[in-house]
Protein backbone atom coordinates (compact mmCIF):
# COMPACT_ATOMS: atom_id res chain seq x y z
CA MET A 1 8.48 18.96 -0.63
CA PRO A 2 5.14 18.48 1.05
CA LYS A 3 4.42 15.29 3.06
CA THR A 4 1.39 13.19 3.31
CA LYS A 5 -0.73 11.49 6.07
CA ARG A 6 0.76 8.15 4.82
CA GLU A 7 4.21 9.40 5.42
CA LEU A 8 3.06 10.63 8.84
CA LEU A 9 1.76 7.13 9.74
CA HIS A 10 4.93 5.55 8.43
CA ALA A 11 6.98 7.86 10.84
CA VAL A 12 4.63 6.73 13.58
CA ALA A 13 5.31 3.10 12.77
CA ASP A 14 9.03 3.70 12.71
CA LYS A 15 8.70 5.28 16.28
CA ILE A 16 6.48 2.36 17.41
CA GLY A 17 8.95 -0.28 16.17
CA GLY A 18 8.84 -3.85 16.67
CA ALA A 19 5.88 -6.15 15.56
CA HIS A 20 3.40 -3.46 15.99
CA GLY A 21 5.21 -1.03 13.86
CA GLU A 22 5.78 -3.66 11.16
CA ARG A 23 2.04 -4.69 11.26
CA MET A 24 1.27 -0.92 10.83
CA ARG A 25 3.58 -0.60 7.86
CA ARG A 26 2.07 -3.76 6.16
CA ALA A 27 -1.36 -2.23 6.72
CA LEU A 28 -0.41 1.03 5.11
CA LYS A 29 0.67 -0.92 2.03
CA LYS A 30 -2.77 -2.39 1.40
CA LYS A 31 -5.32 -0.58 -0.84
CA THR A 32 -8.12 1.11 1.03
CA PRO A 33 -10.87 3.43 0.14
CA PHE A 34 -9.00 6.17 1.96
CA ASP A 35 -5.91 6.19 -0.25
CA ALA A 36 -6.72 9.45 -1.84
CA ILE A 37 -7.13 11.14 1.48
CA MET A 38 -3.86 9.56 2.87
CA ASP A 39 -1.88 10.89 -0.09
CA LEU A 40 -2.97 14.43 0.08
CA PRO A 41 -0.05 16.77 0.60
CA MET A 42 0.33 18.57 3.99
CA SER A 43 2.76 21.33 4.97
CA ASP A 44 5.90 20.52 6.76
CA GLY A 45 4.68 22.50 9.71
CA ALA A 46 1.41 20.48 9.89
CA PHE A 47 3.37 17.26 9.65
CA ALA A 48 5.71 18.18 12.39
CA ALA A 49 2.79 19.29 14.67
CA GLU A 50 0.75 16.22 13.96
CA LEU A 51 3.91 14.02 14.58
CA GLU A 52 4.67 15.67 17.91
CA LYS A 53 1.06 15.30 19.13
CA LEU A 54 1.09 11.52 18.17
CA GLU A 55 4.32 11.28 20.06
CA THR A 56 2.62 12.43 23.27
CA ASP A 57 -0.79 10.63 22.66
CA LEU A 58 0.48 7.25 21.65
CA PRO A 59 2.13 6.15 24.83
CA LYS A 60 -1.17 7.02 26.68
CA ALA A 61 -3.24 5.00 24.14
CA PHE A 62 -0.84 2.00 24.44
CA ALA A 63 -0.94 2.10 28.25
CA LYS A 64 -4.87 2.20 28.10
CA MET A 65 -4.97 -0.70 25.63
CA LYS A 66 -2.71 -2.74 28.01
CA LYS A 67 -5.23 -2.36 30.91
CA SER A 68 -8.10 -3.91 28.89
CA ASP A 69 -8.59 -7.40 27.72
CA TRP A 70 -9.13 -6.70 23.95
CA LYS A 71 -9.98 -10.37 23.21
CA LYS A 72 -13.04 -10.24 25.41
CA PRO A 73 -16.16 -9.05 23.69
CA GLY A 74 -17.63 -5.87 25.28
CA THR A 75 -14.35 -4.46 26.37
């Protein structure tokens, strides 16, 4: 059965875990203008490839976020 981008993001939220993962899951439940795109089917191969790429990219993104003060304007 084909998977969707929404399921991919839920899998990412599971990998993130904790408060950040829960916040991501809550955001995915809200209605957005992108729902039609999020629910388009994707092949199992594409799903696995994107999940693998996210698994390598997310730790780098989180490390970069920790270096900046996101509460200060202009950062």
